[in-house]
Amino acid sequence: MIAPKTQLTFYIFADLLGLTWLATVPQTAGLVGKLFGVRYLGTLFGFALLSHQIAGFLVRGWGNHLSAKR
């Protein structure tokens, strides 16, 4: 939003986003495995990702609701 809308800024943004995409997945999986053990790692990690998606959906809807009141 601050940078001018040119092809160069688009490609710079795409490169930076691509380099950091899913960068926290290994750390999150390691933390879940360390806290709860590796026996149910798949289930617990899936639950963590699902709850993240649901929270994102709810927060987006809440933000849309708040902006509609203006």
PDB file of N, CA and C in Angstrom:
ATOM      1  N   MET A   1       0.819  -1.193   0.000  1.00  0.00           N
ATOM      2  CA  MET A   1       0.000   0.000   0.000  1.00  0.00           C
ATOM      3  C   MET A   1       0.862   1.256   0.000  1.00  0.00           C
ATOM      4  N   ILE A   2       2.020   1.179   0.607  1.00  0.00           N
ATOM      5  CA  ILE A   2       2.904   2.344   0.633  1.00  0.00           C
ATOM      6  C   ILE A   2       3.731   2.422  -0.640  1.00  0.00           C
ATOM      7  N   ALA A   3       4.189   1.260  -1.130  1.00  0.00           N
ATOM      8  CA  ALA A   3       5.036   1.227  -2.316  1.00  0.00           C
ATOM      9  C   ALA A   3       4.196   1.488  -3.562  1.00  0.00           C
ATOM     10  N   PRO A   4       4.823   2.073  -4.587  1.00  0.00           N
ATOM     11  CA  PRO A   4       4.076   2.288  -5.827  1.00  0.00           C
ATOM     12  C   PRO A   4       3.699   0.959  -6.478  1.00  0.00           C
ATOM     13  N   LYS A   5       2.596   0.931  -7.164  1.00  0.00           N
ATOM     14  CA  LYS A   5       2.105  -0.298  -7.792  1.00  0.00           C
ATOM     15  C   LYS A   5       2.743  -0.451  -9.171  1.00  0.00           C
ATOM     16  N   THR A   6       3.915  -1.060  -9.183  1.00  0.00           N
ATOM     17  CA  THR A   6       4.621  -1.322 -10.427  1.00  0.00           C
ATOM     18  C   THR A   6       4.939  -2.807 -10.506  1.00  0.00           C
ATOM     19  N   GLN A   7       5.410  -3.231 -11.671  1.00  0.00           N
ATOM     20  CA  GLN A   7       5.796  -4.636 -11.818  1.00  0.00           C
ATOM     21  C   GLN A   7       6.964  -4.976 -10.912  1.00  0.00           C
ATOM     22  N   LEU A   8       7.894  -4.056 -10.744  1.00  0.00           N
ATOM     23  CA  LEU A   8       9.057  -4.312  -9.903  1.00  0.00           C
ATOM     24  C   LEU A   8       8.654  -4.554  -8.452  1.00  0.00           C
ATOM     25  N   THR A   9       7.778  -3.713  -7.902  1.00  0.00           N
ATOM     26  CA  THR A   9       7.364  -3.912  -6.513  1.00  0.00           C
ATOM     27  C   THR A   9       6.549  -5.199  -6.370  1.00  0.00           C
ATOM     28  N   PHE A  10       5.791  -5.554  -7.392  1.00  0.00           N
ATOM     29  CA  PHE A  10       5.052  -6.814  -7.361  1.00  0.00           C
ATOM     30  C   PHE A  10       6.002  -7.998  -7.265  1.00  0.00           C
ATOM     31  N   TYR A  11       7.039  -7.999  -8.104  1.00  0.00           N
ATOM     32  CA  TYR A  11       7.974  -9.118  -8.100  1.00  0.00           C
ATOM     33  C   TYR A  11       8.824  -9.159  -6.831  1.00  0.00           C
ATOM     34  N   ILE A  12       9.168  -8.020  -6.288  1.00  0.00           N
ATOM     35  CA  ILE A  12       9.903  -7.990  -5.014  1.00  0.00           C
ATOM     36  C   ILE A  12       9.030  -8.560  -3.899  1.00  0.00           C
ATOM     37  N   PHE A  13       7.768  -8.136  -3.849  1.00  0.00           N
ATOM     38  CA  PHE A  13       6.839  -8.664  -2.852  1.00  0.00           C
ATOM     39  C   PHE A  13       6.665 -10.169  -3.020  1.00  0.00           C
ATOM     40  N   ALA A  14       6.480 -10.635  -4.252  1.00  0.00           N
ATOM     41  CA  ALA A  14       6.296 -12.062  -4.510  1.00  0.00           C
ATOM     42  C   ALA A  14       7.526 -12.860  -4.100  1.00  0.00           C
ATOM     43  N   ASP A  15       8.725 -12.338  -4.371  1.00  0.00           N
ATOM     44  CA  ASP A  15       9.954 -13.028  -3.968  1.00  0.00           C
ATOM     45  C   ASP A  15      10.071 -13.123  -2.454  1.00  0.00           C
ATOM     46  N   LEU A  16       9.825 -12.028  -1.757  1.00  0.00           N
ATOM     47  CA  LEU A  16       9.937 -12.038  -0.292  1.00  0.00           C
ATOM     48  C   LEU A  16       8.885 -12.940   0.340  1.00  0.00           C
ATOM     49  N   LEU A  17       7.674 -12.913  -0.173  1.00  0.00           N
ATOM     50  CA  LEU A  17       6.634 -13.785   0.350  1.00  0.00           C
ATOM     51  C   LEU A  17       6.968 -15.251   0.077  1.00  0.00           C
ATOM     52  N   GLY A  18       7.492 -15.529  -1.095  1.00  0.00           N
ATOM     53  CA  GLY A  18       7.872 -16.888  -1.434  1.00  0.00           C
ATOM     54  C   GLY A  18       8.986 -17.435  -0.560  1.00  0.00           C
ATOM     55  N   LEU A  19       9.916 -16.572  -0.165  1.00  0.00           N
ATOM     56  CA  LEU A  19      11.016 -17.011   0.693  1.00  0.00           C
ATOM     57  C   LEU A  19      10.564 -17.305   2.118  1.00  0.00           C
ATOM     58  N   THR A  20       9.515 -16.650   2.563  1.00  0.00           N
ATOM     59  CA  THR A  20       9.068 -16.828   3.946  1.00  0.00           C
ATOM     60  C   THR A  20       7.807 -17.666   4.064  1.00  0.00           C
ATOM     61  N   TRP A  21       7.266 -18.152   2.957  1.00  0.00           N
ATOM     62  CA  TRP A  21       6.017 -18.906   2.970  1.00  0.00           C
ATOM     63  C   TRP A  21       6.177 -20.176   3.793  1.00  0.00           C
ATOM     64  N   LEU A  22       5.341 -20.395   4.749  1.00  0.00           N
ATOM     65  CA  LEU A  22       5.351 -21.563   5.624  1.00  0.00           C
ATOM     66  C   LEU A  22       6.671 -21.715   6.382  1.00  0.00           C
ATOM     67  N   ALA A  23       7.301 -20.620   6.706  1.00  0.00           N
ATOM     68  CA  ALA A  23       8.594 -20.668   7.380  1.00  0.00           C
ATOM     69  C   ALA A  23       8.491 -21.154   8.823  1.00  0.00           C
ATOM     70  N   THR A  24       7.326 -21.082   9.423  1.00  0.00           N
ATOM     71  CA  THR A  24       7.185 -21.489  10.825  1.00  0.00           C
ATOM     72  C   THR A  24       6.688 -22.920  10.988  1.00  0.00           C
ATOM     73  N   VAL A  25       6.406 -23.607   9.894  1.00  0.00           N
ATOM     74  CA  VAL A  25       5.864 -24.972   9.989  1.00  0.00           C
ATOM     75  C   VAL A  25       6.817 -25.926  10.708  1.00  0.00           C
ATOM     76  N   PRO A  26       8.109 -25.985  10.362  1.00  0.00           N
ATOM     77  CA  PRO A  26       8.998 -26.910  11.081  1.00  0.00           C
ATOM     78  C   PRO A  26       9.121 -26.592  12.573  1.00  0.00           C
ATOM     79  N   GLN A  27       9.158 -25.308  12.908  1.00  0.00           N
ATOM     80  CA  GLN A  27       9.251 -24.937  14.316  1.00  0.00           C
ATOM     81  C   GLN A  27       7.982 -25.313  15.066  1.00  0.00           C
ATOM     82  N   THR A  28       6.825 -25.118  14.458  1.00  0.00           N
ATOM     83  CA  THR A  28       5.571 -25.468  15.111  1.00  0.00           C
ATOM     84  C   THR A  28       5.458 -26.977  15.294  1.00  0.00           C
ATOM     85  N   ALA A  29       5.819 -27.723  14.275  1.00  0.00           N
ATOM     86  CA  ALA A  29       5.768 -29.188  14.382  1.00  0.00           C
ATOM     87  C   ALA A  29       6.738 -29.678  15.457  1.00  0.00           C
ATOM     88  N   GLY A  30       7.926 -29.099  15.514  1.00  0.00           N
ATOM     89  CA  GLY A  30       8.890 -29.479  16.544  1.00  0.00           C
ATOM     90  C   GLY A  30       8.393 -29.158  17.944  1.00  0.00           C
ATOM     91  N   LEU A  31       7.768 -28.004  18.097  1.00  0.00           N
ATOM     92  CA  LEU A  31       7.241 -27.606  19.406  1.00  0.00           C
ATOM     93  C   LEU A  31       6.103 -28.524  19.845  1.00  0.00           C
ATOM     94  N   VAL A  32       5.198 -28.842  18.926  1.00  0.00           N
ATOM     95  CA  VAL A  32       4.096 -29.754  19.252  1.00  0.00           C
ATOM     96  C   VAL A  32       4.644 -31.128  19.616  1.00  0.00           C
ATOM     97  N   GLY A  33       5.629 -31.602  18.857  1.00  0.00           N
ATOM     98  CA  GLY A  33       6.240 -32.900  19.154  1.00  0.00           C
ATOM     99  C   GLY A  33       6.953 -32.919  20.482  1.00  0.00           C
ATOM    100  N   LYS A  34       7.622 -31.818  20.812  1.00  0.00           N
ATOM    101  CA  LYS A  34       8.345 -31.742  22.083  1.00  0.00           C
ATOM    102  C   LYS A  34       7.379 -31.668  23.271  1.00  0.00           C
ATOM    103  N   LEU A  35       6.306 -30.925  23.134  1.00  0.00           N
ATOM    104  CA  LEU A  35       5.361 -30.754  24.234  1.00  0.00           C
ATOM    105  C   LEU A  35       4.496 -31.990  24.467  1.00  0.00           C
ATOM    106  N   PHE A  36       4.043 -32.638  23.383  1.00  0.00           N
ATOM    107  CA  PHE A  36       3.065 -33.712  23.512  1.00  0.00           C
ATOM    108  C   PHE A  36       3.573 -35.078  23.070  1.00  0.00           C
ATOM    109  N   GLY A  37       4.791 -35.140  22.551  1.00  0.00           N
ATOM    110  CA  GLY A  37       5.330 -36.409  22.066  1.00  0.00           C
ATOM    111  C   GLY A  37       4.991 -36.624  20.607  1.00  0.00           C
ATOM    112  N   VAL A  38       5.708 -37.550  19.988  1.00  0.00           N
ATOM    113  CA  VAL A  38       5.545 -37.745  18.553  1.00  0.00           C
ATOM    114  C   VAL A  38       4.470 -38.777  18.202  1.00  0.00           C
ATOM    115  N   ARG A  39       3.903 -39.439  19.190  1.00  0.00           N
ATOM    116  CA  ARG A  39       2.910 -40.471  18.901  1.00  0.00           C
ATOM    117  C   ARG A  39       1.698 -39.901  18.170  1.00  0.00           C
ATOM    118  N   TYR A  40       1.185 -38.782  18.619  1.00  0.00           N
ATOM    119  CA  TYR A  40       0.015 -38.163  18.008  1.00  0.00           C
ATOM    120  C   TYR A  40       0.368 -36.837  17.336  1.00  0.00           C
ATOM    121  N   LEU A  41       1.582 -36.743  16.833  1.00  0.00           N
ATOM    122  CA  LEU A  41       2.045 -35.490  16.236  1.00  0.00           C
ATOM    123  C   LEU A  41       1.174 -35.074  15.062  1.00  0.00           C
ATOM    124  N   GLY A  42       0.828 -36.007  14.188  1.00  0.00           N
ATOM    125  CA  GLY A  42       0.006 -35.672  13.026  1.00  0.00           C
ATOM    126  C   GLY A  42      -1.350 -35.119  13.412  1.00  0.00           C
ATOM    127  N   THR A  43      -1.987 -35.764  14.375  1.00  0.00           N
ATOM    128  CA  THR A  43      -3.307 -35.317  14.814  1.00  0.00           C
ATOM    129  C   THR A  43      -3.236 -33.950  15.481  1.00  0.00           C
ATOM    130  N   LEU A  44      -2.275 -33.782  16.369  1.00  0.00           N
ATOM    131  CA  LEU A  44      -2.163 -32.509  17.086  1.00  0.00           C
ATOM    132  C   LEU A  44      -1.746 -31.376  16.163  1.00  0.00           C
ATOM    133  N   PHE A  45      -0.841 -31.659  15.240  1.00  0.00           N
ATOM    134  CA  PHE A  45      -0.417 -30.622  14.304  1.00  0.00           C
ATOM    135  C   PHE A  45      -1.571 -30.256  13.367  1.00  0.00           C
ATOM    136  N   GLY A  46      -2.337 -31.244  12.940  1.00  0.00           N
ATOM    137  CA  GLY A  46      -3.520 -30.962  12.125  1.00  0.00           C
ATOM    138  C   GLY A  46      -4.534 -30.124  12.870  1.00  0.00           C
ATOM    139  N   PHE A  47      -4.717 -30.425  14.148  1.00  0.00           N
ATOM    140  CA  PHE A  47      -5.635 -29.618  14.963  1.00  0.00           C
ATOM    141  C   PHE A  47      -5.128 -28.183  15.092  1.00  0.00           C
ATOM    142  N   ALA A  48      -3.815 -28.012  15.258  1.00  0.00           N
ATOM    143  CA  ALA A  48      -3.246 -26.664  15.345  1.00  0.00           C
ATOM    144  C   ALA A  48      -3.483 -25.893  14.047  1.00  0.00           C
ATOM    145  N   LEU A  49      -3.292 -26.540  12.903  1.00  0.00           N
ATOM    146  CA  LEU A  49      -3.517 -25.864  11.626  1.00  0.00           C
ATOM    147  C   LEU A  49      -4.998 -25.562  11.413  1.00  0.00           C
ATOM    148  N   LEU A  50      -5.865 -26.503  11.779  1.00  0.00           N
ATOM    149  CA  LEU A  50      -7.296 -26.278  11.635  1.00  0.00           C
ATOM    150  C   LEU A  50      -7.769 -25.110  12.502  1.00  0.00           C
ATOM    151  N   SER A  51      -7.328 -25.073  13.747  1.00  0.00           N
ATOM    152  CA  SER A  51      -7.733 -23.978  14.631  1.00  0.00           C
ATOM    153  C   SER A  51      -7.198 -22.644  14.127  1.00  0.00           C
ATOM    154  N   HIS A  52      -6.016 -22.653  13.518  1.00  0.00           N
ATOM    155  CA  HIS A  52      -5.456 -21.427  12.942  1.00  0.00           C
ATOM    156  C   HIS A  52      -6.340 -20.927  11.797  1.00  0.00           C
ATOM    157  N   GLN A  53      -6.797 -21.834  10.942  1.00  0.00           N
ATOM    158  CA  GLN A  53      -7.648 -21.446   9.823  1.00  0.00           C
ATOM    159  C   GLN A  53      -9.013 -20.945  10.304  1.00  0.00           C
ATOM    160  N   ILE A  54      -9.585 -21.604  11.286  1.00  0.00           N
ATOM    161  CA  ILE A  54     -10.883 -21.179  11.819  1.00  0.00           C
ATOM    162  C   ILE A  54     -10.770 -19.806  12.467  1.00  0.00           C
ATOM    163  N   ALA A  55      -9.700 -19.592  13.229  1.00  0.00           N
ATOM    164  CA  ALA A  55      -9.498 -18.286  13.863  1.00  0.00           C
ATOM    165  C   ALA A  55      -9.325 -17.195  12.809  1.00  0.00           C
ATOM    166  N   GLY A  56      -8.572 -17.479  11.758  1.00  0.00           N
ATOM    167  CA  GLY A  56      -8.409 -16.501  10.686  1.00  0.00           C
ATOM    168  C   GLY A  56      -9.730 -16.155  10.017  1.00  0.00           C
ATOM    169  N   PHE A  57     -10.559 -17.169   9.796  1.00  0.00           N
ATOM    170  CA  PHE A  57     -11.878 -16.949   9.213  1.00  0.00           C
ATOM    171  C   PHE A  57     -12.738 -16.071  10.122  1.00  0.00           C
ATOM    172  N   LEU A  58     -12.749 -16.373  11.413  1.00  0.00           N
ATOM    173  CA  LEU A  58     -13.575 -15.610  12.351  1.00  0.00           C
ATOM    174  C   LEU A  58     -13.090 -14.175  12.499  1.00  0.00           C
ATOM    175  N   VAL A  59     -11.785 -13.982  12.560  1.00  0.00           N
ATOM    176  CA  VAL A  59     -11.246 -12.626  12.707  1.00  0.00           C
ATOM    177  C   VAL A  59     -11.521 -11.802  11.455  1.00  0.00           C
ATOM    178  N   ARG A  60     -11.427 -12.442  10.289  1.00  0.00           N
ATOM    179  CA  ARG A  60     -11.731 -11.724   9.056  1.00  0.00           C
ATOM    180  C   ARG A  60     -13.197 -11.300   9.037  1.00  0.00           C
ATOM    181  N   GLY A  61     -14.088 -12.179   9.440  1.00  0.00           N
ATOM    182  CA  GLY A  61     -15.508 -11.843   9.495  1.00  0.00           C
ATOM    183  C   GLY A  61     -15.793 -10.751  10.511  1.00  0.00           C
ATOM    184  N   TRP A  62     -15.093 -10.810  11.634  1.00  0.00           N
ATOM    185  CA  TRP A  62     -15.260  -9.777  12.666  1.00  0.00           C
ATOM    186  C   TRP A  62     -14.783  -8.426  12.141  1.00  0.00           C
ATOM    187  N   GLY A  63     -13.642  -8.418  11.459  1.00  0.00           N
ATOM    188  CA  GLY A  63     -13.147  -7.171  10.889  1.00  0.00           C
ATOM    189  C   GLY A  63     -14.072  -6.616   9.829  1.00  0.00           C
ATOM    190  N   ASN A  64     -14.645  -7.505   9.018  1.00  0.00           N
ATOM    191  CA  ASN A  64     -15.604  -7.066   8.007  1.00  0.00           C
ATOM    192  C   ASN A  64     -16.845  -6.479   8.662  1.00  0.00           C
ATOM    193  N   HIS A  65     -17.282  -7.106   9.747  1.00  0.00           N
ATOM    194  CA  HIS A  65     -18.450  -6.606  10.487  1.00  0.00           C
ATOM    195  C   HIS A  65     -18.166  -5.213  11.062  1.00  0.00           C
ATOM    196  N   LEU A  66     -16.974  -5.047  11.630  1.00  0.00           N
ATOM    197  CA  LEU A  66     -16.635  -3.744  12.210  1.00  0.00           C
ATOM    198  C   LEU A  66     -16.506  -2.658  11.147  1.00  0.00           C
ATOM    199  N   SER A  67     -15.924  -3.007  10.005  1.00  0.00           N
ATOM    200  CA  SER A  67     -15.768  -1.985   8.966  1.00  0.00           C
ATOM    201  C   SER A  67     -17.108  -1.634   8.321  1.00  0.00           C
ATOM    202  N   ALA A  68     -18.060  -2.544   8.351  1.00  0.00           N
ATOM    203  CA  ALA A  68     -19.383  -2.245   7.775  1.00  0.00           C
ATOM    204  C   ALA A  68     -20.160  -1.272   8.660  1.00  0.00           C
ATOM    205  N   LYS A  69     -19.820  -1.204   9.952  1.00  0.00           N
ATOM    206  CA  LYS A  69     -20.521  -0.294  10.859  1.00  0.00           C
ATOM    207  C   LYS A  69     -20.086   1.149  10.684  1.00  0.00           C
ATOM    208  N   ARG A  70     -18.976   1.374  10.002  1.00  0.00           N
ATOM    209  CA  ARG A  70     -18.477   2.753   9.842  1.00  0.00           C
ATOM    210  C   ARG A  70     -19.269   3.503   8.856  1.00  0.00           C
TER     211      ARG A  70
END
